[in-house]
Amino acid sequence: MGHFQYRLTVATRGKGFYEITGGVEQWISTLGISTGLLTVFIQHTSASLLIQENADPDVVHDLEQFFRRIAPEDNRLYKHTVEGSDDMPAHIRAAITQTSIPIPIVSGRLGLGTWQGIYVVEHRSAPHRRTVVLHACGD
């Protein structure tokens, strides 16, 4: 069984969903793994990962609106405000999503469903460079 790691850098333009499925699939295709497991991990506390529908953009739009409602940018609501009005809401949004996602590797490909995509979710308003660590193991 082999183990492989790769760092993927994602440049965000501010809040939003950034699909990384293609880059992850491309890397997996170079490994020669037929059956295994991929772990996708983001090294940040104000951004997160989601597997979500990638066919209808309304899904992403509705999720963005939901995040705005559950963690509004209002400094009166939070003690942690030193990094700006978007920081504490970003931490809340990241806390209810994921920093790590396991995905099976099946017949040399990601075992995602037909409409599933992997997203980095940027919860801050300003552009950032987010680091995603990919760790694959398998035969």
N, C-alpha and C. Protein backbone atom coordinates (compact mmCIF):
# COMPACT_ATOMS: atom_id res chain seq x y z
N MET A 1 0.85 -1.17 0.00
CA MET A 1 0.00 0.00 0.00
C MET A 1 0.89 1.24 0.00
N GLY A 2 0.63 2.13 -0.91
CA GLY A 2 1.40 3.36 -0.99
C GLY A 2 0.70 4.53 -0.32
N HIS A 3 1.50 5.48 0.15
CA HIS A 3 0.98 6.72 0.73
C HIS A 3 1.55 7.89 -0.06
N PHE A 4 0.70 8.85 -0.37
CA PHE A 4 1.09 9.98 -1.19
C PHE A 4 0.49 11.26 -0.61
N GLN A 5 1.24 12.36 -0.68
CA GLN A 5 0.72 13.64 -0.21
C GLN A 5 1.00 14.73 -1.23
N TYR A 6 0.10 15.70 -1.23
CA TYR A 6 0.21 16.83 -2.14
C TYR A 6 -0.46 18.04 -1.49
N ARG A 7 0.13 19.20 -1.68
CA ARG A 7 -0.48 20.45 -1.19
C ARG A 7 -1.06 21.21 -2.37
N LEU A 8 -2.33 21.52 -2.25
CA LEU A 8 -3.04 22.27 -3.28
C LEU A 8 -3.29 23.66 -2.72
N THR A 9 -2.88 24.69 -3.45
CA THR A 9 -3.12 26.06 -3.03
C THR A 9 -4.32 26.60 -3.79
N VAL A 10 -5.26 27.16 -3.05
CA VAL A 10 -6.48 27.70 -3.65
C VAL A 10 -6.52 29.20 -3.40
N ALA A 11 -6.49 29.98 -4.45
CA ALA A 11 -6.59 31.44 -4.34
C ALA A 11 -8.07 31.81 -4.36
N THR A 12 -8.53 32.41 -3.28
CA THR A 12 -9.93 32.82 -3.21
C THR A 12 -10.02 34.32 -3.50
N ARG A 13 -11.21 34.74 -3.88
CA ARG A 13 -11.46 36.16 -4.16
C ARG A 13 -12.38 36.75 -3.09
N GLY A 14 -12.46 36.11 -1.96
CA GLY A 14 -13.38 36.51 -0.90
C GLY A 14 -14.41 35.42 -0.70
N LYS A 15 -15.43 35.73 0.09
CA LYS A 15 -16.45 34.74 0.43
C LYS A 15 -16.97 34.02 -0.79
N GLY A 16 -17.13 32.70 -0.63
CA GLY A 16 -17.71 31.93 -1.71
C GLY A 16 -17.25 30.49 -1.71
N PHE A 17 -17.76 29.75 -2.66
CA PHE A 17 -17.47 28.34 -2.85
C PHE A 17 -16.53 28.20 -4.05
N TYR A 18 -15.42 27.51 -3.85
CA TYR A 18 -14.41 27.33 -4.90
C TYR A 18 -14.23 25.84 -5.14
N GLU A 19 -14.71 25.38 -6.28
CA GLU A 19 -14.65 23.94 -6.56
C GLU A 19 -13.23 23.52 -6.90
N ILE A 20 -12.76 22.46 -6.25
CA ILE A 20 -11.41 21.94 -6.46
C ILE A 20 -11.42 20.51 -6.98
N THR A 21 -12.58 20.00 -7.34
CA THR A 21 -12.70 18.60 -7.76
C THR A 21 -11.73 18.25 -8.88
N GLY A 22 -11.67 19.09 -9.90
CA GLY A 22 -10.82 18.81 -11.07
C GLY A 22 -9.35 18.66 -10.70
N GLY A 23 -8.85 19.57 -9.87
CA GLY A 23 -7.44 19.50 -9.46
C GLY A 23 -7.15 18.27 -8.63
N VAL A 24 -8.09 17.89 -7.78
CA VAL A 24 -7.92 16.69 -6.95
C VAL A 24 -7.95 15.45 -7.83
N GLU A 25 -8.90 15.38 -8.75
CA GLU A 25 -8.99 14.23 -9.66
C GLU A 25 -7.72 14.09 -10.50
N GLN A 26 -7.21 15.22 -10.96
CA GLN A 26 -5.99 15.19 -11.78
C GLN A 26 -4.83 14.59 -10.99
N TRP A 27 -4.66 15.02 -9.75
CA TRP A 27 -3.58 14.48 -8.93
C TRP A 27 -3.77 12.99 -8.68
N ILE A 28 -4.99 12.57 -8.32
CA ILE A 28 -5.27 11.15 -8.06
C ILE A 28 -4.93 10.31 -9.29
N SER A 29 -5.21 10.82 -10.47
CA SER A 29 -4.97 10.04 -11.70
C SER A 29 -3.49 9.77 -11.95
N THR A 30 -2.60 10.54 -11.32
CA THR A 30 -1.15 10.33 -11.53
C THR A 30 -0.56 9.30 -10.58
N LEU A 31 -1.33 8.84 -9.60
CA LEU A 31 -0.77 8.00 -8.54
C LEU A 31 -0.74 6.52 -8.85
N GLY A 32 -1.59 6.05 -9.73
CA GLY A 32 -1.65 4.62 -10.01
C GLY A 32 -2.36 3.83 -8.93
N ILE A 33 -3.17 4.47 -8.11
CA ILE A 33 -3.95 3.78 -7.08
C ILE A 33 -5.27 3.33 -7.69
N SER A 34 -5.59 2.06 -7.53
CA SER A 34 -6.87 1.54 -8.01
C SER A 34 -7.94 1.63 -6.92
N THR A 35 -7.55 1.19 -5.71
CA THR A 35 -8.48 1.18 -4.59
C THR A 35 -7.79 1.81 -3.39
N GLY A 36 -8.46 2.75 -2.74
CA GLY A 36 -7.84 3.38 -1.59
C GLY A 36 -8.72 4.44 -0.98
N LEU A 37 -8.07 5.35 -0.28
CA LEU A 37 -8.78 6.41 0.43
C LEU A 37 -8.00 7.71 0.30
N LEU A 38 -8.73 8.76 0.01
CA LEU A 38 -8.17 10.10 -0.04
C LEU A 38 -8.71 10.89 1.14
N THR A 39 -7.82 11.56 1.83
CA THR A 39 -8.24 12.51 2.86
C THR A 39 -7.91 13.90 2.34
N VAL A 40 -8.89 14.78 2.37
CA VAL A 40 -8.73 16.17 1.96
C VAL A 40 -8.81 16.99 3.25
N PHE A 41 -7.78 17.82 3.53
CA PHE A 41 -7.70 18.57 4.79
C PHE A 41 -7.32 20.02 4.49
N ILE A 42 -8.05 20.96 5.05
CA ILE A 42 -7.74 22.38 4.88
C ILE A 42 -7.06 22.90 6.14
N GLN A 43 -5.98 23.65 5.98
CA GLN A 43 -5.17 24.10 7.11
C GLN A 43 -5.57 25.51 7.58
N HIS A 44 -6.84 25.73 7.77
CA HIS A 44 -7.31 27.06 8.15
C HIS A 44 -8.50 26.96 9.09
N THR A 45 -8.74 28.04 9.85
CA THR A 45 -9.87 28.07 10.79
C THR A 45 -10.98 29.01 10.35
N SER A 46 -10.79 29.71 9.23
CA SER A 46 -11.85 30.59 8.73
C SER A 46 -12.21 30.23 7.28
N ALA A 47 -11.88 29.03 6.89
CA ALA A 47 -12.30 28.44 5.62
C ALA A 47 -12.56 26.97 5.90
N SER A 48 -13.31 26.32 5.02
CA SER A 48 -13.66 24.93 5.29
C SER A 48 -13.83 24.17 3.98
N LEU A 49 -14.22 22.91 4.11
CA LEU A 49 -14.43 22.03 2.97
C LEU A 49 -15.86 21.50 2.98
N LEU A 50 -16.41 21.31 1.81
CA LEU A 50 -17.72 20.66 1.69
C LEU A 50 -17.74 19.81 0.43
N ILE A 51 -18.47 18.71 0.50
CA ILE A 51 -18.87 18.00 -0.70
C ILE A 51 -20.32 18.41 -0.91
N GLN A 52 -20.58 18.95 -2.10
CA GLN A 52 -21.91 19.49 -2.35
C GLN A 52 -22.23 19.37 -3.83
N GLU A 53 -23.48 19.58 -4.17
CA GLU A 53 -23.91 19.52 -5.56
C GLU A 53 -23.16 20.55 -6.39
N ASN A 54 -22.68 20.11 -7.57
CA ASN A 54 -21.96 21.02 -8.46
C ASN A 54 -22.66 21.20 -9.79
N ALA A 55 -23.93 20.81 -9.89
CA ALA A 55 -24.65 20.93 -11.15
C ALA A 55 -25.49 22.20 -11.23
N ASP A 56 -26.17 22.54 -10.16
CA ASP A 56 -27.05 23.71 -10.16
C ASP A 56 -26.45 24.79 -9.27
N PRO A 57 -26.04 25.93 -9.83
CA PRO A 57 -25.43 26.99 -9.03
C PRO A 57 -26.35 27.58 -7.96
N ASP A 58 -27.64 27.33 -8.08
CA ASP A 58 -28.57 27.82 -7.05
C ASP A 58 -28.30 27.17 -5.69
N VAL A 59 -27.77 25.95 -5.70
CA VAL A 59 -27.45 25.27 -4.44
C VAL A 59 -26.39 26.07 -3.68
N VAL A 60 -25.32 26.44 -4.36
CA VAL A 60 -24.25 27.22 -3.73
C VAL A 60 -24.79 28.58 -3.28
N HIS A 61 -25.58 29.22 -4.12
CA HIS A 61 -26.18 30.51 -3.75
C HIS A 61 -26.99 30.40 -2.47
N ASP A 62 -27.85 29.39 -2.40
CA ASP A 62 -28.69 29.21 -1.21
C ASP A 62 -27.86 28.90 0.03
N LEU A 63 -26.79 28.12 -0.12
CA LEU A 63 -25.91 27.84 1.01
C LEU A 63 -25.21 29.11 1.50
N GLU A 64 -24.75 29.95 0.57
CA GLU A 64 -24.13 31.21 0.96
C GLU A 64 -25.11 32.08 1.75
N GLN A 65 -26.36 32.14 1.31
CA GLN A 65 -27.38 32.92 2.02
C GLN A 65 -27.64 32.33 3.41
N PHE A 66 -27.67 31.02 3.50
CA PHE A 66 -27.87 30.35 4.79
C PHE A 66 -26.76 30.72 5.76
N PHE A 67 -25.50 30.67 5.31
CA PHE A 67 -24.37 31.02 6.17
C PHE A 67 -24.48 32.47 6.66
N ARG A 68 -24.92 33.37 5.80
CA ARG A 68 -25.08 34.77 6.20
C ARG A 68 -26.13 34.92 7.30
N ARG A 69 -27.19 34.11 7.21
CA ARG A 69 -28.26 34.20 8.21
C ARG A 69 -27.83 33.62 9.56
N ILE A 70 -27.12 32.49 9.56
CA ILE A 70 -26.81 31.84 10.83
C ILE A 70 -25.62 32.46 11.55
N ALA A 71 -24.76 33.18 10.82
CA ALA A 71 -23.60 33.82 11.44
C ALA A 71 -23.43 35.22 10.82
N PRO A 72 -24.28 36.14 11.21
CA PRO A 72 -24.23 37.49 10.63
C PRO A 72 -22.98 38.25 11.05
N GLU A 73 -22.59 39.19 10.20
CA GLU A 73 -21.43 40.03 10.49
C GLU A 73 -21.89 41.25 11.27
N ASP A 74 -21.94 41.07 12.58
CA ASP A 74 -22.40 42.13 13.47
C ASP A 74 -21.54 42.09 14.73
N ASN A 75 -20.61 43.03 14.86
CA ASN A 75 -19.67 43.03 15.99
C ASN A 75 -20.36 43.06 17.34
N ARG A 76 -21.60 43.50 17.41
CA ARG A 76 -22.33 43.52 18.69
C ARG A 76 -22.61 42.12 19.22
N LEU A 77 -22.52 41.13 18.34
CA LEU A 77 -22.84 39.75 18.72
C LEU A 77 -21.64 38.96 19.26
N TYR A 78 -20.42 39.47 19.05
CA TYR A 78 -19.23 38.68 19.33
C TYR A 78 -18.22 39.43 20.19
N LYS A 79 -17.49 38.67 20.99
CA LYS A 79 -16.38 39.23 21.76
C LYS A 79 -15.12 39.33 20.90
N HIS A 80 -14.88 38.32 20.06
CA HIS A 80 -13.69 38.28 19.19
C HIS A 80 -13.97 39.14 17.95
N THR A 81 -13.47 40.39 17.97
CA THR A 81 -13.72 41.32 16.86
C THR A 81 -12.44 41.97 16.34
N VAL A 82 -11.30 41.65 16.93
CA VAL A 82 -10.05 42.34 16.60
C VAL A 82 -9.63 42.17 15.14
N GLU A 83 -10.03 41.09 14.49
CA GLU A 83 -9.62 40.84 13.10
C GLU A 83 -10.67 41.28 12.08
N GLY A 84 -11.68 42.00 12.52
CA GLY A 84 -12.70 42.49 11.60
C GLY A 84 -14.05 41.84 11.81
N SER A 85 -15.06 42.48 11.25
CA SER A 85 -16.44 42.03 11.47
C SER A 85 -16.75 40.70 10.79
N ASP A 86 -15.91 40.27 9.84
CA ASP A 86 -16.18 39.00 9.17
C ASP A 86 -15.45 37.82 9.81
N ASP A 87 -14.55 38.08 10.77
CA ASP A 87 -13.70 37.00 11.29
C ASP A 87 -14.45 36.00 12.17
N MET A 88 -15.12 36.47 13.21
CA MET A 88 -15.83 35.54 14.09
C MET A 88 -16.94 34.80 13.34
N PRO A 89 -17.72 35.47 12.49
CA PRO A 89 -18.68 34.69 11.70
C PRO A 89 -18.00 33.63 10.83
N ALA A 90 -16.80 33.94 10.32
CA ALA A 90 -16.06 32.95 9.52
C ALA A 90 -15.70 31.73 10.37
N HIS A 91 -15.28 31.96 11.61
CA HIS A 91 -14.96 30.83 12.50
C HIS A 91 -16.20 29.99 12.79
N ILE A 92 -17.33 30.64 13.00
CA ILE A 92 -18.58 29.90 13.26
C ILE A 92 -18.95 29.05 12.05
N ARG A 93 -18.89 29.65 10.88
CA ARG A 93 -19.24 28.91 9.66
C ARG A 93 -18.30 27.73 9.44
N ALA A 94 -17.01 27.94 9.72
CA ALA A 94 -16.06 26.84 9.58
C ALA A 94 -16.30 25.75 10.62
N ALA A 95 -16.75 26.16 11.83
CA ALA A 95 -16.99 25.18 12.90
C ALA A 95 -18.16 24.25 12.58
N ILE A 96 -19.12 24.71 11.80
CA ILE A 96 -20.28 23.86 11.51
C ILE A 96 -20.15 23.14 10.17
N THR A 97 -19.04 23.35 9.49
CA THR A 97 -18.77 22.61 8.26
C THR A 97 -17.63 21.64 8.55
N GLN A 98 -16.69 21.47 7.65
CA GLN A 98 -15.66 20.46 7.85
C GLN A 98 -14.28 20.99 7.51
N THR A 99 -13.28 20.47 8.21
CA THR A 99 -11.89 20.76 7.84
C THR A 99 -11.24 19.55 7.17
N SER A 100 -11.89 18.40 7.23
CA SER A 100 -11.33 17.18 6.67
C SER A 100 -12.46 16.34 6.07
N ILE A 101 -12.18 15.78 4.90
CA ILE A 101 -13.17 14.94 4.21
C ILE A 101 -12.50 13.68 3.70
N PRO A 102 -13.00 12.50 4.06
CA PRO A 102 -12.49 11.26 3.46
C PRO A 102 -13.30 10.93 2.20
N ILE A 103 -12.61 10.51 1.15
CA ILE A 103 -13.27 10.14 -0.10
C ILE A 103 -12.66 8.83 -0.60
N PRO A 104 -13.46 7.81 -0.87
CA PRO A 104 -12.89 6.57 -1.38
C PRO A 104 -12.34 6.75 -2.79
N ILE A 105 -11.31 5.99 -3.09
CA ILE A 105 -10.77 5.89 -4.44
C ILE A 105 -11.25 4.55 -4.98
N VAL A 106 -11.99 4.60 -6.07
CA VAL A 106 -12.62 3.41 -6.65
C VAL A 106 -12.20 3.31 -8.11
N SER A 107 -11.57 2.21 -8.46
CA SER A 107 -11.12 2.00 -9.84
C SER A 107 -10.28 3.18 -10.35
N GLY A 108 -9.43 3.71 -9.48
CA GLY A 108 -8.52 4.78 -9.85
C GLY A 108 -9.12 6.16 -9.90
N ARG A 109 -10.37 6.30 -9.48
CA ARG A 109 -11.05 7.60 -9.53
C ARG A 109 -11.69 7.91 -8.18
N LEU A 110 -11.99 9.18 -7.98
CA LEU A 110 -12.70 9.57 -6.76
C LEU A 110 -14.08 8.91 -6.76
N GLY A 111 -14.46 8.39 -5.61
CA GLY A 111 -15.76 7.73 -5.48
C GLY A 111 -16.88 8.71 -5.18
N LEU A 112 -16.91 9.82 -5.88
CA LEU A 112 -17.97 10.81 -5.69
C LEU A 112 -19.21 10.42 -6.47
N GLY A 113 -20.35 10.89 -6.02
CA GLY A 113 -21.60 10.68 -6.74
C GLY A 113 -21.68 11.58 -7.96
N THR A 114 -22.66 11.35 -8.79
CA THR A 114 -22.82 12.04 -10.07
C THR A 114 -22.79 13.55 -9.95
N TRP A 115 -23.46 14.11 -8.96
CA TRP A 115 -23.58 15.57 -8.85
C TRP A 115 -22.72 16.15 -7.75
N GLN A 116 -21.79 15.37 -7.22
CA GLN A 116 -20.98 15.85 -6.10
C GLN A 116 -19.68 16.49 -6.56
N GLY A 117 -19.33 17.59 -5.90
CA GLY A 117 -18.06 18.26 -6.11
C GLY A 117 -17.44 18.60 -4.78
N ILE A 118 -16.12 18.78 -4.77
CA ILE A 118 -15.39 19.16 -3.55
C ILE A 118 -15.16 20.67 -3.61
N TYR A 119 -15.52 21.34 -2.53
CA TYR A 119 -15.39 22.79 -2.48
C TYR A 119 -14.55 23.24 -1.30
N VAL A 120 -13.71 24.25 -1.54
CA VAL A 120 -13.16 25.06 -0.46
C VAL A 120 -14.18 26.18 -0.26
N VAL A 121 -14.59 26.38 0.98
CA VAL A 121 -15.54 27.44 1.28
C VAL A 121 -14.78 28.54 2.01
N GLU A 122 -14.66 29.67 1.34
CA GLU A 122 -14.00 30.84 1.94
C GLU A 122 -15.05 31.61 2.73
N HIS A 123 -14.77 31.79 4.02
CA HIS A 123 -15.72 32.48 4.88
C HIS A 123 -15.31 33.92 5.17
N ARG A 124 -14.15 34.35 4.71
CA ARG A 124 -13.69 35.73 4.92
C ARG A 124 -13.98 36.57 3.68
N SER A 125 -14.10 37.88 3.88
CA SER A 125 -14.43 38.79 2.78
C SER A 125 -13.26 39.06 1.84
N ALA A 126 -12.07 39.10 2.38
CA ALA A 126 -10.88 39.44 1.57
C ALA A 126 -10.36 38.19 0.86
N PRO A 127 -9.64 38.37 -0.24
CA PRO A 127 -8.99 37.24 -0.91
C PRO A 127 -7.94 36.59 0.01
N HIS A 128 -7.80 35.29 -0.10
CA HIS A 128 -6.80 34.53 0.66
C HIS A 128 -6.20 33.46 -0.23
N ARG A 129 -5.07 32.94 0.21
CA ARG A 129 -4.48 31.74 -0.39
C ARG A 129 -4.65 30.63 0.64
N ARG A 130 -5.47 29.67 0.32
CA ARG A 130 -5.79 28.58 1.24
C ARG A 130 -5.02 27.32 0.84
N THR A 131 -4.49 26.63 1.84
CA THR A 131 -3.73 25.40 1.59
C THR A 131 -4.58 24.19 1.95
N VAL A 132 -4.69 23.28 0.99
CA VAL A 132 -5.42 22.04 1.17
C VAL A 132 -4.41 20.91 1.03
N VAL A 133 -4.33 20.06 2.05
CA VAL A 133 -3.42 18.91 2.02
C VAL A 133 -4.22 17.69 1.57
N LEU A 134 -3.71 17.03 0.55
CA LEU A 134 -4.31 15.79 0.06
C LEU A 134 -3.42 14.63 0.48
N HIS A 135 -4.02 13.60 1.07
CA HIS A 135 -3.27 12.41 1.48
C HIS A 135 -4.03 11.21 0.93
N ALA A 136 -3.39 10.49 0.03
CA ALA A 136 -3.99 9.29 -0.56
C ALA A 136 -3.20 8.07 -0.13
N CYS A 137 -3.93 7.00 0.14
CA CYS A 137 -3.29 5.72 0.40
C CYS A 137 -4.08 4.64 -0.32
N GLY A 138 -3.38 3.65 -0.82
CA GLY A 138 -4.06 2.56 -1.50
C GLY A 138 -3.14 1.74 -2.37
N ASP A 139 -3.75 0.83 -3.09
CA ASP A 139 -3.03 -0.10 -3.97
C ASP A 139 -3.41 0.16 -5.42
